[in-house]
Amino acid sequence: MSEGTGDGTQGAQENGAPEGEQAKTFTQDEVNQLVGQARTDERRKVAAKFADYDDLKTKAGTAETAEERIANLEREIVASRTEALRAKYAADVPEKLRPLLTATTDDDLKAQRDLILQGVEDRKKRGGVAPKEGGSADTPSDARDDERQFVRGLFGTAD
């Protein structure tokens, strides 16, 4: 029977307010202000948490992928092996002729070295003399013989 009647304290107790205190009511402006402050605080926390996001994004864009690093390392290994092979075969070749070793495989470098050494030996056998030195390179000897015969026939000179 007391359900419909009362002084209003029972309703305040049901809303969680202590007895003797009246529940505080907020206007819409106060609610908007409290929500705005909460949002601002939350945004500030998120901004502080992700402050270095742009820097990390930039670094991630410029960083090498694992595949690129592997490919670069493989190229370096091949280049160092090739240089080691060239050094191995260059030991037998005169210093001035070492730039002629341009191959990249063991067999090709060996063949180049052998050709260079053969040329060096041939030069030593000839004693530094160039064949056909002093001859005219413009006209072959057969053409010169034909010219001589024509001139002799023209002037009537006997052989």
N, C-alpha and C. Protein backbone atom coordinates (compact mmCIF):
# COMPACT_ATOMS: atom_id res chain seq x y z
N MET A 1 0.79 -1.17 0.00
CA MET A 1 0.00 0.00 0.00
C MET A 1 0.84 1.25 0.00
N SER A 2 2.00 1.12 0.44
CA SER A 2 2.84 2.30 0.47
C SER A 2 3.52 2.53 -0.86
N GLU A 3 3.21 1.73 -1.81
CA GLU A 3 3.89 1.82 -3.08
C GLU A 3 3.57 3.11 -3.83
N GLY A 4 2.53 3.57 -3.88
CA GLY A 4 2.19 4.75 -4.63
C GLY A 4 2.42 6.02 -3.83
N THR A 5 2.63 5.91 -2.57
CA THR A 5 2.77 7.09 -1.73
C THR A 5 4.17 7.16 -1.20
N GLY A 6 4.61 8.28 -0.78
CA GLY A 6 5.94 8.42 -0.20
C GLY A 6 6.42 9.83 -0.37
N ASP A 7 7.50 10.11 0.28
CA ASP A 7 8.02 11.47 0.22
C ASP A 7 9.09 11.66 -0.85
N GLY A 8 9.41 10.62 -1.60
CA GLY A 8 10.36 10.73 -2.70
C GLY A 8 11.74 10.26 -2.33
N THR A 9 11.99 9.92 -1.10
CA THR A 9 13.32 9.45 -0.72
C THR A 9 13.57 8.05 -1.22
N GLN A 10 12.51 7.29 -1.34
CA GLN A 10 12.67 5.93 -1.82
C GLN A 10 13.13 5.95 -3.27
N GLY A 11 12.65 6.83 -4.11
CA GLY A 11 13.05 6.94 -5.50
C GLY A 11 14.51 7.37 -5.61
N ALA A 12 14.95 8.23 -4.71
CA ALA A 12 16.34 8.68 -4.73
C ALA A 12 17.26 7.55 -4.33
N GLN A 13 16.80 6.72 -3.40
CA GLN A 13 17.63 5.59 -2.98
C GLN A 13 17.73 4.55 -4.09
N GLU A 14 16.72 4.40 -4.85
CA GLU A 14 16.76 3.44 -5.95
C GLU A 14 17.67 3.91 -7.06
N ASN A 15 17.88 5.18 -7.25
CA ASN A 15 18.74 5.72 -8.29
C ASN A 15 20.20 5.72 -7.87
N GLY A 16 20.50 5.31 -6.68
CA GLY A 16 21.87 5.20 -6.24
C GLY A 16 22.33 6.40 -5.46
N ALA A 17 21.52 7.38 -5.24
CA ALA A 17 21.92 8.55 -4.46
C ALA A 17 21.74 8.22 -3.00
N PRO A 18 22.64 8.67 -2.14
CA PRO A 18 22.48 8.39 -0.70
C PRO A 18 21.26 9.12 -0.16
N GLU A 19 20.83 8.61 0.92
CA GLU A 19 19.63 9.17 1.53
C GLU A 19 19.92 10.58 2.04
N GLY A 20 19.08 11.46 1.76
CA GLY A 20 19.24 12.83 2.20
C GLY A 20 19.86 13.71 1.11
N GLU A 21 20.43 13.14 0.07
CA GLU A 21 20.99 13.92 -1.03
C GLU A 21 20.08 13.76 -2.22
N GLN A 22 20.03 14.80 -2.98
CA GLN A 22 19.19 14.75 -4.17
C GLN A 22 20.09 14.46 -5.36
N ALA A 23 19.65 13.67 -6.34
CA ALA A 23 20.43 13.31 -7.52
C ALA A 23 20.67 14.56 -8.35
N LYS A 24 21.94 14.68 -8.88
CA LYS A 24 22.31 15.86 -9.66
C LYS A 24 21.86 15.65 -11.09
N THR A 25 21.29 16.67 -11.64
CA THR A 25 20.87 16.63 -13.03
C THR A 25 21.79 17.55 -13.82
N PHE A 26 22.04 17.19 -15.06
CA PHE A 26 22.93 17.95 -15.94
C PHE A 26 22.12 18.52 -17.09
N THR A 27 22.52 19.68 -17.50
CA THR A 27 21.89 20.26 -18.68
C THR A 27 22.59 19.67 -19.92
N GLN A 28 21.99 19.89 -21.09
CA GLN A 28 22.57 19.36 -22.32
C GLN A 28 23.93 19.99 -22.60
N ASP A 29 24.11 21.24 -22.31
CA ASP A 29 25.39 21.91 -22.51
C ASP A 29 26.48 21.30 -21.64
N GLU A 30 26.13 20.97 -20.38
CA GLU A 30 27.10 20.35 -19.47
C GLU A 30 27.48 18.94 -19.96
N VAL A 31 26.49 18.21 -20.43
CA VAL A 31 26.76 16.87 -20.96
C VAL A 31 27.67 16.97 -22.19
N ASN A 32 27.37 17.91 -23.08
CA ASN A 32 28.20 18.08 -24.27
C ASN A 32 29.63 18.45 -23.90
N GLN A 33 29.77 19.31 -22.88
CA GLN A 33 31.10 19.71 -22.44
C GLN A 33 31.87 18.53 -21.85
N LEU A 34 31.22 17.72 -21.04
CA LEU A 34 31.88 16.54 -20.45
C LEU A 34 32.28 15.53 -21.53
N VAL A 35 31.39 15.30 -22.48
CA VAL A 35 31.69 14.36 -23.57
C VAL A 35 32.83 14.92 -24.42
N GLY A 36 32.82 16.21 -24.69
CA GLY A 36 33.89 16.83 -25.47
C GLY A 36 35.24 16.71 -24.78
N GLN A 37 35.25 16.90 -23.47
CA GLN A 37 36.50 16.76 -22.71
C GLN A 37 36.99 15.31 -22.77
N ALA A 38 36.07 14.38 -22.66
CA ALA A 38 36.45 12.97 -22.71
C ALA A 38 37.03 12.62 -24.08
N ARG A 39 36.40 13.12 -25.13
CA ARG A 39 36.90 12.87 -26.48
C ARG A 39 38.28 13.50 -26.68
N THR A 40 38.43 14.72 -26.23
CA THR A 40 39.73 15.40 -26.36
C THR A 40 40.81 14.63 -25.63
N ASP A 41 40.51 14.17 -24.42
CA ASP A 41 41.50 13.38 -23.67
C ASP A 41 41.84 12.08 -24.39
N GLU A 42 40.84 11.42 -24.95
CA GLU A 42 41.07 10.16 -25.66
C GLU A 42 41.90 10.40 -26.92
N ARG A 43 41.58 11.47 -27.65
CA ARG A 43 42.37 11.79 -28.85
C ARG A 43 43.81 12.09 -28.49
N ARG A 44 44.02 12.81 -27.40
CA ARG A 44 45.37 13.13 -26.96
C ARG A 44 46.15 11.85 -26.62
N LYS A 45 45.48 10.93 -25.97
CA LYS A 45 46.13 9.66 -25.62
C LYS A 45 46.50 8.87 -26.88
N VAL A 46 45.58 8.80 -27.84
CA VAL A 46 45.83 8.06 -29.09
C VAL A 46 46.94 8.74 -29.88
N ALA A 47 46.92 10.07 -29.94
CA ALA A 47 47.96 10.80 -30.66
C ALA A 47 49.32 10.57 -30.04
N ALA A 48 49.39 10.52 -28.72
CA ALA A 48 50.66 10.26 -28.04
C ALA A 48 51.12 8.82 -28.30
N LYS A 49 50.16 7.91 -28.35
CA LYS A 49 50.51 6.50 -28.57
C LYS A 49 51.06 6.27 -29.97
N PHE A 50 50.50 6.96 -30.98
CA PHE A 50 50.91 6.78 -32.37
C PHE A 50 51.67 7.98 -32.92
N ALA A 51 52.39 8.67 -32.08
CA ALA A 51 53.12 9.87 -32.50
C ALA A 51 54.20 9.55 -33.53
N ASP A 52 54.84 8.41 -33.43
CA ASP A 52 55.93 8.06 -34.34
C ASP A 52 55.44 7.22 -35.53
N TYR A 53 54.14 7.17 -35.75
CA TYR A 53 53.58 6.37 -36.84
C TYR A 53 54.09 6.84 -38.20
N ASP A 54 54.11 8.15 -38.44
CA ASP A 54 54.58 8.67 -39.73
C ASP A 54 56.04 8.32 -39.96
N ASP A 55 56.86 8.43 -38.91
CA ASP A 55 58.28 8.07 -39.04
C ASP A 55 58.43 6.59 -39.37
N LEU A 56 57.68 5.75 -38.68
CA LEU A 56 57.76 4.31 -38.94
C LEU A 56 57.27 3.97 -40.34
N LYS A 57 56.23 4.66 -40.78
CA LYS A 57 55.70 4.42 -42.12
C LYS A 57 56.74 4.81 -43.17
N THR A 58 57.43 5.91 -42.96
CA THR A 58 58.47 6.35 -43.89
C THR A 58 59.62 5.35 -43.90
N LYS A 59 60.04 4.91 -42.74
CA LYS A 59 61.13 3.93 -42.66
C LYS A 59 60.74 2.61 -43.31
N ALA A 60 59.51 2.20 -43.12
CA ALA A 60 59.06 0.94 -43.70
C ALA A 60 59.01 1.04 -45.22
N GLY A 61 58.71 2.21 -45.74
CA GLY A 61 58.66 2.38 -47.18
C GLY A 61 60.03 2.33 -47.82
N THR A 62 61.05 2.77 -47.10
CA THR A 62 62.39 2.80 -47.66
C THR A 62 63.21 1.57 -47.29
N ALA A 63 62.74 0.78 -46.39
CA ALA A 63 63.50 -0.41 -45.96
C ALA A 63 63.48 -1.48 -47.04
N GLU A 64 64.57 -2.23 -47.09
CA GLU A 64 64.66 -3.33 -48.04
C GLU A 64 63.83 -4.51 -47.54
N THR A 65 63.23 -5.18 -48.48
CA THR A 65 62.53 -6.40 -48.11
C THR A 65 63.57 -7.51 -47.96
N ALA A 66 63.17 -8.59 -47.39
CA ALA A 66 64.09 -9.71 -47.19
C ALA A 66 64.57 -10.25 -48.54
N GLU A 67 63.68 -10.29 -49.52
CA GLU A 67 64.05 -10.80 -50.84
C GLU A 67 65.09 -9.91 -51.50
N GLU A 68 64.93 -8.59 -51.34
CA GLU A 68 65.91 -7.66 -51.92
C GLU A 68 67.27 -7.83 -51.25
N ARG A 69 67.27 -7.99 -49.95
CA ARG A 69 68.54 -8.18 -49.23
C ARG A 69 69.23 -9.46 -49.67
N ILE A 70 68.45 -10.52 -49.83
CA ILE A 70 69.02 -11.80 -50.26
C ILE A 70 69.62 -11.66 -51.65
N ALA A 71 68.88 -11.00 -52.56
CA ALA A 71 69.38 -10.82 -53.93
C ALA A 71 70.66 -10.00 -53.93
N ASN A 72 70.72 -8.94 -53.13
CA ASN A 72 71.93 -8.12 -53.05
C ASN A 72 73.11 -8.92 -52.50
N LEU A 73 72.86 -9.71 -51.47
CA LEU A 73 73.93 -10.52 -50.89
C LEU A 73 74.43 -11.57 -51.88
N GLU A 74 73.51 -12.17 -52.64
CA GLU A 74 73.92 -13.15 -53.64
C GLU A 74 74.79 -12.52 -54.72
N ARG A 75 74.41 -11.30 -55.15
CA ARG A 75 75.24 -10.60 -56.15
C ARG A 75 76.63 -10.30 -55.59
N GLU A 76 76.70 -9.91 -54.33
CA GLU A 76 78.00 -9.64 -53.73
C GLU A 76 78.86 -10.90 -53.65
N ILE A 77 78.23 -12.02 -53.33
CA ILE A 77 78.96 -13.29 -53.25
C ILE A 77 79.51 -13.66 -54.62
N VAL A 78 78.69 -13.55 -55.67
CA VAL A 78 79.14 -13.88 -57.02
C VAL A 78 80.29 -12.96 -57.43
N ALA A 79 80.17 -11.68 -57.12
CA ALA A 79 81.23 -10.73 -57.48
C ALA A 79 82.53 -11.05 -56.75
N SER A 80 82.45 -11.40 -55.48
CA SER A 80 83.67 -11.71 -54.74
C SER A 80 84.30 -13.02 -55.22
N ARG A 81 83.49 -13.99 -55.58
CA ARG A 81 84.03 -15.25 -56.12
C ARG A 81 84.72 -15.00 -57.47
N THR A 82 84.11 -14.17 -58.29
CA THR A 82 84.70 -13.85 -59.59
C THR A 82 86.03 -13.14 -59.41
N GLU A 83 86.08 -12.20 -58.49
CA GLU A 83 87.34 -11.48 -58.23
C GLU A 83 88.41 -12.43 -57.70
N ALA A 84 88.01 -13.39 -56.88
CA ALA A 84 88.98 -14.37 -56.37
C ALA A 84 89.53 -15.23 -57.51
N LEU A 85 88.65 -15.64 -58.43
CA LEU A 85 89.10 -16.43 -59.59
C LEU A 85 90.05 -15.61 -60.47
N ARG A 86 89.70 -14.35 -60.70
CA ARG A 86 90.57 -13.49 -61.51
C ARG A 86 91.93 -13.33 -60.85
N ALA A 87 91.94 -13.17 -59.55
CA ALA A 87 93.21 -13.02 -58.85
C ALA A 87 94.03 -14.30 -58.96
N LYS A 88 93.36 -15.44 -58.92
CA LYS A 88 94.04 -16.73 -59.04
C LYS A 88 94.76 -16.84 -60.39
N TYR A 89 94.06 -16.49 -61.48
CA TYR A 89 94.65 -16.61 -62.81
C TYR A 89 95.54 -15.42 -63.18
N ALA A 90 95.33 -14.29 -62.54
CA ALA A 90 96.14 -13.11 -62.85
C ALA A 90 97.56 -13.24 -62.34
N ALA A 91 97.80 -14.15 -61.42
CA ALA A 91 99.14 -14.32 -60.87
C ALA A 91 100.14 -14.73 -61.96
N ASP A 92 99.68 -15.47 -62.98
CA ASP A 92 100.56 -15.94 -64.05
C ASP A 92 100.70 -14.93 -65.19
N VAL A 93 99.82 -13.96 -65.25
CA VAL A 93 99.75 -13.02 -66.38
C VAL A 93 100.55 -11.76 -66.03
N PRO A 94 101.29 -11.21 -67.02
CA PRO A 94 102.00 -9.95 -66.76
C PRO A 94 101.02 -8.85 -66.33
N GLU A 95 101.50 -7.96 -65.50
CA GLU A 95 100.63 -6.96 -64.90
C GLU A 95 99.91 -6.08 -65.92
N LYS A 96 100.59 -5.72 -67.00
CA LYS A 96 99.98 -4.87 -68.02
C LYS A 96 98.82 -5.57 -68.74
N LEU A 97 98.85 -6.89 -68.76
CA LEU A 97 97.84 -7.65 -69.50
C LEU A 97 96.70 -8.17 -68.60
N ARG A 98 96.77 -7.92 -67.31
CA ARG A 98 95.74 -8.42 -66.39
C ARG A 98 94.34 -7.88 -66.67
N PRO A 99 94.19 -6.64 -67.14
CA PRO A 99 92.83 -6.17 -67.44
C PRO A 99 92.15 -6.97 -68.55
N LEU A 100 92.91 -7.76 -69.30
CA LEU A 100 92.30 -8.58 -70.35
C LEU A 100 91.54 -9.77 -69.78
N LEU A 101 91.73 -10.07 -68.53
CA LEU A 101 90.98 -11.16 -67.89
C LEU A 101 89.60 -10.62 -67.51
N THR A 102 88.62 -10.84 -68.38
CA THR A 102 87.29 -10.28 -68.18
C THR A 102 86.21 -11.33 -67.96
N ALA A 103 86.52 -12.59 -68.10
CA ALA A 103 85.52 -13.65 -67.97
C ALA A 103 85.04 -13.76 -66.53
N THR A 104 83.95 -14.48 -66.35
CA THR A 104 83.37 -14.63 -65.02
C THR A 104 83.38 -16.07 -64.52
N THR A 105 83.64 -17.03 -65.39
CA THR A 105 83.65 -18.42 -64.96
C THR A 105 85.09 -18.94 -64.93
N ASP A 106 85.27 -20.01 -64.21
CA ASP A 106 86.60 -20.61 -64.04
C ASP A 106 87.18 -21.05 -65.38
N ASP A 107 86.39 -21.76 -66.18
CA ASP A 107 86.88 -22.27 -67.47
C ASP A 107 87.22 -21.13 -68.43
N ASP A 108 86.37 -20.11 -68.48
CA ASP A 108 86.63 -18.99 -69.38
C ASP A 108 87.87 -18.20 -68.96
N LEU A 109 88.03 -18.01 -67.66
CA LEU A 109 89.23 -17.30 -67.19
C LEU A 109 90.50 -18.09 -67.50
N LYS A 110 90.42 -19.41 -67.35
CA LYS A 110 91.58 -20.25 -67.66
C LYS A 110 91.92 -20.14 -69.15
N ALA A 111 90.90 -20.15 -70.01
CA ALA A 111 91.14 -20.04 -71.45
C ALA A 111 91.74 -18.68 -71.80
N GLN A 112 91.24 -17.62 -71.19
CA GLN A 112 91.80 -16.29 -71.45
C GLN A 112 93.25 -16.22 -71.00
N ARG A 113 93.53 -16.76 -69.83
CA ARG A 113 94.90 -16.75 -69.32
C ARG A 113 95.83 -17.50 -70.27
N ASP A 114 95.39 -18.65 -70.75
CA ASP A 114 96.22 -19.45 -71.66
C ASP A 114 96.49 -18.70 -72.96
N LEU A 115 95.49 -18.02 -73.51
CA LEU A 115 95.69 -17.24 -74.74
C LEU A 115 96.68 -16.09 -74.52
N ILE A 116 96.56 -15.43 -73.40
CA ILE A 116 97.47 -14.32 -73.10
C ILE A 116 98.90 -14.83 -72.97
N LEU A 117 99.06 -15.92 -72.24
CA LEU A 117 100.40 -16.48 -72.06
C LEU A 117 100.98 -16.98 -73.38
N GLN A 118 100.14 -17.54 -74.24
CA GLN A 118 100.61 -18.00 -75.55
C GLN A 118 101.09 -16.80 -76.37
N GLY A 119 100.38 -15.70 -76.33
CA GLY A 119 100.80 -14.50 -77.04
C GLY A 119 102.11 -13.96 -76.51
N VAL A 120 102.31 -14.03 -75.22
CA VAL A 120 103.56 -13.57 -74.61
C VAL A 120 104.72 -14.45 -75.08
N GLU A 121 104.49 -15.76 -75.11
CA GLU A 121 105.54 -16.67 -75.55
C GLU A 121 105.88 -16.47 -77.03
N ASP A 122 104.85 -16.25 -77.87
CA ASP A 122 105.10 -16.01 -79.29
C ASP A 122 105.92 -14.74 -79.49
N ARG A 123 105.63 -13.73 -78.73
CA ARG A 123 106.38 -12.48 -78.85
C ARG A 123 107.84 -12.69 -78.44
N LYS A 124 108.06 -13.50 -77.43
CA LYS A 124 109.44 -13.78 -76.99
C LYS A 124 110.19 -14.58 -78.06
N LYS A 125 109.51 -15.52 -78.74
CA LYS A 125 110.16 -16.34 -79.77
C LYS A 125 110.60 -15.49 -80.95
N ARG A 126 109.81 -14.51 -81.33
CA ARG A 126 110.15 -13.65 -82.46
C ARG A 126 111.24 -12.64 -82.09
N GLY A 127 111.50 -12.50 -80.85
CA GLY A 127 112.54 -11.59 -80.41
C GLY A 127 112.14 -10.13 -80.54
N GLY A 128 110.90 -9.84 -80.47
CA GLY A 128 110.44 -8.46 -80.53
C GLY A 128 110.38 -7.90 -81.93
N VAL A 129 110.51 -8.73 -82.95
CA VAL A 129 110.47 -8.27 -84.33
C VAL A 129 109.05 -8.46 -84.85
N ALA A 130 108.51 -7.41 -85.46
CA ALA A 130 107.19 -7.50 -86.04
C ALA A 130 107.31 -8.04 -87.46
N PRO A 131 106.54 -9.06 -87.84
CA PRO A 131 106.63 -9.59 -89.19
C PRO A 131 106.10 -8.57 -90.20
N LYS A 132 106.71 -8.59 -91.40
CA LYS A 132 106.33 -7.70 -92.50
C LYS A 132 106.53 -6.22 -92.15
N GLU A 133 107.47 -5.96 -91.28
CA GLU A 133 107.74 -4.58 -90.90
C GLU A 133 108.44 -3.88 -92.05
N GLY A 134 108.05 -2.67 -92.36
CA GLY A 134 108.67 -1.90 -93.43
C GLY A 134 107.99 -2.08 -94.76
N GLY A 135 107.09 -3.02 -94.90
CA GLY A 135 106.40 -3.23 -96.17
C GLY A 135 105.23 -2.27 -96.28
N SER A 136 104.74 -2.12 -97.49
CA SER A 136 103.60 -1.27 -97.73
C SER A 136 102.33 -2.07 -97.46
N ALA A 137 101.51 -1.57 -96.59
CA ALA A 137 100.29 -2.28 -96.24
C ALA A 137 99.16 -1.93 -97.19
N ASP A 138 99.36 -0.88 -98.05
CA ASP A 138 98.29 -0.45 -98.93
C ASP A 138 98.08 -1.40 -100.10
N THR A 139 99.16 -1.90 -100.66
CA THR A 139 99.02 -2.76 -101.85
C THR A 139 99.62 -4.12 -101.57
N PRO A 140 98.90 -5.15 -101.87
CA PRO A 140 99.46 -6.50 -101.70
C PRO A 140 100.55 -6.77 -102.73
N SER A 141 101.38 -7.76 -102.46
CA SER A 141 102.53 -8.04 -103.33
C SER A 141 102.09 -8.47 -104.73
N ASP A 142 100.96 -9.16 -104.89
CA ASP A 142 100.49 -9.58 -106.21
C ASP A 142 100.14 -8.36 -107.06
N ALA A 143 99.54 -7.36 -106.48
CA ALA A 143 99.18 -6.16 -107.23
C ALA A 143 100.42 -5.41 -107.66
N ARG A 144 101.45 -5.39 -106.83
CA ARG A 144 102.70 -4.72 -107.19
C ARG A 144 103.38 -5.43 -108.36
N ASP A 145 103.32 -6.74 -108.37
CA ASP A 145 103.92 -7.50 -109.48
C ASP A 145 103.19 -7.22 -110.79
N ASP A 146 101.88 -7.11 -110.75
CA ASP A 146 101.10 -6.81 -111.96
C ASP A 146 101.45 -5.42 -112.49
N GLU A 147 101.61 -4.47 -111.57
CA GLU A 147 101.96 -3.11 -111.98
C GLU A 147 103.35 -3.08 -112.64
N ARG A 148 104.27 -3.81 -112.10
CA ARG A 148 105.63 -3.87 -112.65
C ARG A 148 105.61 -4.44 -114.06
N GLN A 149 104.86 -5.49 -114.25
CA GLN A 149 104.79 -6.10 -115.58
C GLN A 149 104.16 -5.16 -116.59
N PHE A 150 103.14 -4.41 -116.19
CA PHE A 150 102.50 -3.47 -117.09
C PHE A 150 103.47 -2.36 -117.51
N VAL A 151 104.18 -1.82 -116.53
CA VAL A 151 105.12 -0.74 -116.82
C VAL A 151 106.26 -1.25 -117.71
N ARG A 152 106.73 -2.43 -117.46
CA ARG A 152 107.79 -3.02 -118.28
C ARG A 152 107.30 -3.22 -119.70
N GLY A 153 106.08 -3.67 -119.84
CA GLY A 153 105.54 -3.89 -121.19
C GLY A 153 105.31 -2.56 -121.91
N LEU A 154 104.95 -1.52 -121.19
CA LEU A 154 104.69 -0.23 -121.75
C LEU A 154 105.97 0.42 -122.29
N PHE A 155 107.02 0.30 -121.53
CA PHE A 155 108.30 0.92 -121.94
C PHE A 155 109.20 -0.05 -122.67
N GLY A 156 108.78 -1.25 -122.79
CA GLY A 156 109.58 -2.22 -123.55
C GLY A 156 110.81 -2.67 -122.82
N THR A 157 110.76 -2.70 -121.51
CA THR A 157 111.90 -3.15 -120.75
C THR A 157 111.84 -4.66 -120.63
N ALA A 158 112.93 -5.29 -120.82
CA ALA A 158 112.97 -6.74 -120.74
C ALA A 158 113.10 -7.17 -119.29
N ASP A 159 112.61 -8.33 -119.06
CA ASP A 159 112.73 -8.89 -117.71
C ASP A 159 114.09 -9.31 -117.40
